[in-house]
Amino acid sequence: MSATLRHGDRGQAVRLLQKQLNQQGAKLSVDGDYGDATEKAVRAYQQKVGLVDDGIAGAKTQASLAGADCSKLLLKAPLVNAAKRLGVEIAAVMAVNEVESLGEGFLANGKPKILFERHVMYQRLALPRHESDDAAALQAHADQLAALHPNLVNPSPGGYAGGTAEHQRLAQARLLDAISGAESASWGAFQVMGYHWQRLGYASLDDFLTRMAKDEAEHLEAFVRFIEADPALHKALKAKKWATFARLYNGPAYARNLYDVKLERAYERHAACGCGQELVA
C-alpha cells in the first residue's frame, strides 16, 4: 500500500501523484513538492469523484487515481448527511473521520479492519446474559479459558497481531464462544466494539457484523449511532471540545497518543478550506 502523501511532502511519490492528477485535468508542475497547488488539485479530484475532499492523498485517493474499485469507500455525501444528523460542522466530522478512522476501514483482502480485545473476551465470557445464568460458574469458565488460551482470553489487554492476523485471532476466539468472540472485536473504520450492537439499535449481532462487512458508509453509520447514544460525547463534538471528545472516545490514554491535538489540527485545516462553513441549523 502506498504511503499517505500530504502538504509538505517531497519526493518521487509526489511526482507520480502530480502526473496522475495532470492526467485527470490538473495543470501542475511535476516538481515533487506537495504544496498548495498540489493540495488544491487533490481536493478538486476528490470532489470530482465524490471522495472525502480532505486534500490528503491517502490510500483511497491513490487507489482511485490508479483505477481501482472504490465501491466500498466512504464518499463525501454520507459525511455531509452525518454532520446534518448530528447538528455539527462538516469540518468537525471530517476531522474525526481523518483521525479516528486512520483513513480506511477495510483490509487489502476485503475484510473489515478489526482489533480483537482479549480482555473484553474475558469480560464477555463472565457476563450473565440470562436470569438463569450462574455468575460464579461463568467466571470460573472464563478463568479456565484464560489459563488455556491466554492470547484469546485474558484479564489484561494485549496480544495484538495486527492486520489480517486479527481475523485469525477472532476466528479462534469464536470457536471458544461465537457471540463473545464477535462482541470482543472493534469493527471498521471507526473501530466500534461489537458488544455495542444492541445499544446502537442493530437488529442483532449478525445484523451488525453484516453491515460492517458491507462498506465504509456502514462504518460511519455505526459511528453516528455511537455519538447519538452518548449525550456527553455528542455535546463535546458539537462544542469542539477536542480533549473531552478524545477522552470519552479513546479512553484515558488519549493524551499520550495526542488524539485531541490531532483532532484540533485536522478541524482547523478542514475549516480553513471552507468545509466548516456548512453548519446545520
Protein backbone atom coordinates (compact mmCIF):
# COMPACT_ATOMS: atom_id res chain seq x y z
CA MET A 1 0.00 0.00 0.00
CA SER A 2 1.36 3.44 -0.92
CA ALA A 3 2.27 5.81 1.87
CA THR A 4 -0.11 8.66 2.58
CA LEU A 5 1.00 11.90 0.96
CA ARG A 6 0.11 15.33 2.29
CA HIS A 7 1.03 19.00 2.25
CA GLY A 8 4.75 19.47 2.86
CA ASP A 9 5.85 16.10 1.47
CA ARG A 10 8.51 15.93 -1.24
CA GLY A 11 9.91 13.22 -3.46
CA GLN A 12 9.31 10.78 -6.27
CA ALA A 13 5.96 9.60 -4.87
CA VAL A 14 4.69 13.19 -5.05
CA ARG A 15 5.93 13.43 -8.65
CA LEU A 16 3.91 10.34 -9.55
CA LEU A 17 0.87 11.80 -7.81
CA GLN A 18 1.23 15.05 -9.71
CA LYS A 19 1.47 13.16 -13.03
CA GLN A 20 -1.70 11.21 -12.19
CA LEU A 21 -3.54 14.40 -11.25
CA ASN A 22 -2.44 16.01 -14.52
CA GLN A 23 -3.91 13.04 -16.36
CA GLN A 24 -7.19 13.95 -14.67
CA GLY A 25 -7.07 17.54 -15.87
CA ALA A 26 -4.84 19.29 -13.34
CA LYS A 27 -2.08 21.54 -14.61
CA LEU A 28 0.61 21.01 -12.01
CA SER A 29 4.32 21.46 -12.30
CA VAL A 30 5.75 17.99 -11.74
CA ASP A 31 8.33 19.11 -9.20
CA GLY A 32 7.80 16.58 -6.40
CA ASP A 33 6.66 19.31 -3.97
CA TYR A 34 3.28 18.74 -2.28
CA GLY A 35 2.49 22.43 -1.90
CA ASP A 36 -0.68 24.49 -2.02
CA ALA A 37 -1.29 23.84 -5.71
CA THR A 38 -1.00 20.07 -5.36
CA GLU A 39 -3.24 20.03 -2.30
CA LYS A 40 -5.82 22.08 -4.21
CA ALA A 41 -5.62 19.65 -7.13
CA VAL A 42 -6.09 16.68 -4.81
CA ARG A 43 -9.19 18.30 -3.31
CA ALA A 44 -10.54 19.03 -6.77
CA TYR A 45 -10.06 15.42 -7.85
CA GLN A 46 -11.64 14.12 -4.64
CA GLN A 47 -14.64 16.37 -5.20
CA LYS A 48 -14.87 15.21 -8.81
CA VAL A 49 -15.14 11.53 -7.89
CA GLY A 50 -17.10 12.04 -4.67
CA LEU A 51 -14.38 11.08 -2.18
CA VAL A 52 -13.87 12.93 1.09
CA ASP A 53 -12.15 16.13 -0.03
CA ASP A 54 -9.53 16.43 2.67
CA GLY A 55 -6.63 17.32 0.39
CA ILE A 56 -4.68 14.27 1.57
CA ALA A 57 -3.62 11.66 -0.97
CA GLY A 58 -4.15 8.60 1.14
CA ALA A 59 -4.76 5.01 0.12
CA LYS A 60 -8.27 5.75 -1.13
CA THR A 61 -7.34 8.69 -3.34
CA GLN A 62 -4.30 6.90 -4.74
CA ALA A 63 -6.34 3.77 -5.43
CA SER A 64 -8.98 5.83 -7.23
CA LEU A 65 -6.33 7.57 -9.33
CA ALA A 66 -4.95 4.15 -10.24
CA GLY A 67 -8.38 2.97 -11.40
CA ALA A 68 -9.12 0.56 -8.55
CA ASP A 69 -12.59 -0.49 -7.41
CA CYS A 70 -13.68 2.10 -4.85
CA SER A 71 -17.23 0.87 -4.23
CA LYS A 72 -16.64 0.26 -0.52
CA LEU A 73 -15.02 3.61 0.18
CA LEU A 74 -16.56 6.40 2.23
CA LEU A 75 -17.72 9.22 -0.02
CA LYS A 76 -18.30 12.86 0.90
CA ALA A 77 -22.11 12.69 0.76
CA PRO A 78 -22.52 10.38 3.79
CA LEU A 79 -20.23 12.67 5.81
CA VAL A 80 -22.41 15.66 4.91
CA ASN A 81 -25.51 13.73 5.96
CA ALA A 82 -23.81 12.65 9.20
CA ALA A 83 -22.99 16.27 10.02
CA LYS A 84 -26.60 17.30 9.44
CA ARG A 85 -27.90 14.40 11.53
CA LEU A 86 -25.59 15.25 14.43
CA GLY A 87 -26.02 19.01 14.08
CA VAL A 88 -22.30 19.71 13.80
CA GLU A 89 -19.95 21.32 11.30
CA ILE A 90 -18.85 19.18 8.40
CA ALA A 91 -15.27 20.13 9.23
CA ALA A 92 -15.70 18.55 12.66
CA VAL A 93 -16.95 15.27 11.18
CA MET A 94 -14.17 15.31 8.61
CA ALA A 95 -11.62 15.80 11.40
CA VAL A 96 -12.94 12.81 13.32
CA ASN A 97 -13.01 10.74 10.14
CA GLU A 98 -9.40 11.64 9.38
CA VAL A 99 -8.01 10.99 12.86
CA GLU A 100 -10.15 8.18 14.25
CA SER A 101 -10.62 6.10 11.11
CA LEU A 102 -6.93 6.17 10.15
CA GLY A 103 -8.06 6.66 6.58
CA GLU A 104 -9.67 3.32 5.77
CA GLY A 105 -11.98 0.65 7.12
CA PHE A 106 -11.07 -2.43 5.07
CA LEU A 107 -8.00 -4.58 4.68
CA ALA A 108 -6.45 -5.39 1.31
CA ASN A 109 -8.26 -8.77 1.31
CA GLY A 110 -11.65 -7.02 1.53
CA LYS A 111 -12.37 -7.82 5.16
CA PRO A 112 -13.26 -5.02 7.58
CA LYS A 113 -10.50 -3.82 9.85
CA ILE A 114 -10.81 -5.24 13.34
CA LEU A 115 -8.87 -5.36 16.57
CA PHE A 116 -9.59 -8.31 18.83
CA GLU A 117 -9.55 -7.44 22.53
CA ARG A 118 -8.74 -10.45 24.68
CA HIS A 119 -9.61 -8.64 27.93
CA VAL A 120 -13.08 -7.85 26.57
CA MET A 121 -13.48 -11.53 25.65
CA TYR A 122 -12.68 -12.40 29.26
CA GLN A 123 -15.33 -9.94 30.47
CA ARG A 124 -17.98 -11.08 27.99
CA LEU A 125 -17.49 -14.74 28.88
CA ALA A 126 -18.06 -13.94 32.56
CA LEU A 127 -21.14 -11.79 31.86
CA PRO A 128 -24.51 -13.27 32.90
CA ARG A 129 -26.87 -12.87 29.95
CA HIS A 130 -29.96 -14.62 31.34
CA GLU A 131 -31.64 -14.80 34.73
CA SER A 132 -30.79 -18.48 34.98
CA ASP A 133 -27.07 -17.91 34.42
CA ASP A 134 -24.76 -18.82 37.28
CA ALA A 135 -22.34 -15.91 37.62
CA ALA A 136 -19.82 -17.92 39.59
CA ALA A 137 -19.82 -20.72 37.02
CA LEU A 138 -19.39 -18.25 34.16
CA GLN A 139 -16.47 -16.63 35.94
CA ALA A 140 -14.86 -19.99 36.58
CA HIS A 141 -15.28 -20.87 32.90
CA ALA A 142 -13.68 -17.57 31.84
CA ASP A 143 -10.75 -18.20 34.20
CA GLN A 144 -10.34 -21.71 32.83
CA LEU A 145 -10.23 -20.47 29.23
CA ALA A 146 -7.82 -17.71 30.23
CA ALA A 147 -5.44 -20.35 31.57
CA LEU A 148 -5.74 -22.43 28.41
CA HIS A 149 -5.82 -19.63 25.81
CA PRO A 150 -4.16 -16.53 27.32
CA ASN A 151 -3.75 -14.88 23.92
CA LEU A 152 -7.52 -15.00 23.36
CA VAL A 153 -8.95 -14.74 26.87
CA ASN A 154 -7.11 -12.65 29.41
CA PRO A 155 -7.90 -10.15 32.18
CA SER A 156 -5.27 -7.83 30.65
CA PRO A 157 -5.24 -6.20 27.20
CA GLY A 158 -2.61 -7.24 24.67
CA GLY A 159 -1.66 -9.99 22.29
CA TYR A 160 -2.38 -7.87 19.23
CA ALA A 161 -1.19 -9.26 15.91
CA GLY A 162 -2.49 -6.56 13.57
CA GLY A 163 -3.94 -6.67 10.05
CA THR A 164 -5.35 -9.92 8.74
CA ALA A 165 -3.92 -11.78 11.73
CA GLU A 166 -6.56 -10.12 13.91
CA HIS A 167 -9.20 -12.02 11.93
CA GLN A 168 -7.33 -15.22 12.67
CA ARG A 169 -7.43 -14.41 16.39
CA LEU A 170 -11.13 -13.63 16.09
CA ALA A 171 -11.83 -16.92 14.31
CA GLN A 172 -10.05 -18.83 17.07
CA ALA A 173 -11.95 -16.89 19.74
CA ARG A 174 -15.29 -17.61 18.06
CA LEU A 175 -14.52 -21.32 18.25
CA LEU A 176 -14.49 -20.86 22.02
CA ASP A 177 -17.64 -18.72 22.05
CA ALA A 178 -19.12 -17.32 18.83
CA ILE A 179 -21.07 -14.46 20.40
CA SER A 180 -18.49 -13.30 22.92
CA GLY A 181 -15.80 -13.51 20.27
CA ALA A 182 -17.55 -11.21 17.79
CA GLU A 183 -18.57 -8.82 20.57
CA SER A 184 -14.94 -8.58 21.69
CA ALA A 185 -13.60 -7.05 18.48
CA SER A 186 -13.73 -3.43 17.38
CA TRP A 187 -15.02 -3.11 13.83
CA GLY A 188 -14.49 -0.95 10.80
CA ALA A 189 -13.06 2.48 10.14
CA PHE A 190 -14.20 3.91 13.48
CA GLN A 191 -13.45 0.75 15.50
CA VAL A 192 -16.85 0.40 17.19
CA MET A 193 -16.88 -2.51 19.61
CA GLY A 194 -19.14 -5.40 18.70
CA TYR A 195 -20.79 -5.53 22.11
CA HIS A 196 -22.42 -2.15 21.41
CA TRP A 197 -24.69 -3.69 18.74
CA GLN A 198 -27.84 -3.70 20.85
CA ARG A 199 -27.34 -0.26 22.41
CA LEU A 200 -26.85 1.18 18.92
CA GLY A 201 -30.12 -0.22 17.65
CA TYR A 202 -29.00 -3.08 15.42
CA ALA A 203 -31.48 -5.91 15.00
CA SER A 204 -28.93 -8.50 16.10
CA LEU A 205 -25.22 -9.13 16.38
CA ASP A 206 -25.32 -10.76 12.94
CA ASP A 207 -27.01 -7.66 11.53
CA PHE A 208 -24.18 -5.52 12.91
CA LEU A 209 -21.50 -7.84 11.51
CA THR A 210 -23.15 -7.99 8.08
CA ARG A 211 -23.26 -4.23 7.88
CA MET A 212 -19.65 -3.86 8.99
CA ALA A 213 -18.64 -6.14 6.09
CA LYS A 214 -20.58 -4.06 3.53
CA ASP A 215 -18.82 -0.71 3.15
CA GLU A 216 -17.37 2.30 4.96
CA ALA A 217 -20.70 4.13 4.84
CA GLU A 218 -21.97 1.49 7.28
CA HIS A 219 -18.91 2.11 9.45
CA LEU A 220 -19.85 5.79 9.53
CA GLU A 221 -23.44 4.87 10.41
CA ALA A 222 -22.19 2.88 13.41
CA PHE A 223 -20.08 5.85 14.48
CA VAL A 224 -23.03 8.26 14.20
CA ARG A 225 -25.20 5.92 16.27
CA PHE A 226 -22.41 5.70 18.84
CA ILE A 227 -22.29 9.50 19.14
CA GLU A 228 -26.08 9.76 19.33
CA ALA A 229 -26.15 7.19 22.14
CA ASP A 230 -23.74 9.19 24.31
CA PRO A 231 -25.03 12.72 25.16
CA ALA A 232 -21.71 13.81 26.70
CA LEU A 233 -19.76 12.71 23.63
CA HIS A 234 -22.28 14.38 21.33
CA LYS A 235 -22.07 17.61 23.33
CA ALA A 236 -18.26 17.59 23.19
CA LEU A 237 -18.29 17.15 19.40
CA LYS A 238 -20.79 19.96 18.93
CA ALA A 239 -18.69 22.30 21.08
CA LYS A 240 -15.43 21.10 19.51
CA LYS A 241 -14.06 20.28 22.95
CA TRP A 242 -11.44 18.01 21.48
CA ALA A 243 -9.78 16.89 24.72
CA THR A 244 -13.14 15.89 26.19
CA PHE A 245 -14.19 14.17 22.97
CA ALA A 246 -10.90 12.28 22.71
CA ARG A 247 -11.05 11.18 26.34
CA LEU A 248 -14.60 9.87 26.01
CA TYR A 249 -13.98 8.20 22.65
CA ASN A 250 -10.44 6.91 23.04
CA GLY A 251 -10.14 6.45 26.79
CA PRO A 252 -7.74 7.91 29.36
CA ALA A 253 -4.68 7.27 27.18
CA TYR A 254 -5.87 9.79 24.57
CA ALA A 255 -3.30 12.43 25.60
CA ARG A 256 -0.39 10.04 25.20
CA ASN A 257 -1.44 9.49 21.58
CA LEU A 258 -2.18 13.21 21.05
CA TYR A 259 -5.67 12.45 19.77
CA ASP A 260 -7.01 15.81 20.96
CA VAL A 261 -4.18 17.71 19.25
CA LYS A 262 -4.61 15.74 16.02
CA LEU A 263 -8.37 16.36 16.04
CA GLU A 264 -8.00 20.09 16.62
CA ARG A 265 -5.40 20.47 13.88
CA ALA A 266 -7.46 18.44 11.42
CA TYR A 267 -10.56 20.50 12.21
CA GLU A 268 -8.71 23.79 11.73
CA ARG A 269 -7.36 22.64 8.36
CA HIS A 270 -10.76 21.49 7.09
CA ALA A 271 -12.47 24.62 8.40
CA ALA A 272 -9.89 26.81 6.68
CA CYS A 273 -10.73 25.30 3.29
CA GLY A 274 -14.40 26.21 3.77
CA CYS A 275 -15.58 22.79 4.96
CA GLY A 276 -16.59 24.24 8.29
CA GLN A 277 -18.84 26.90 6.83
CA GLU A 278 -21.73 24.47 6.39
CA LEU A 279 -23.41 24.38 9.78
CA VAL A 280 -26.62 22.53 10.40
CA ALA A 281 -29.44 24.58 11.84
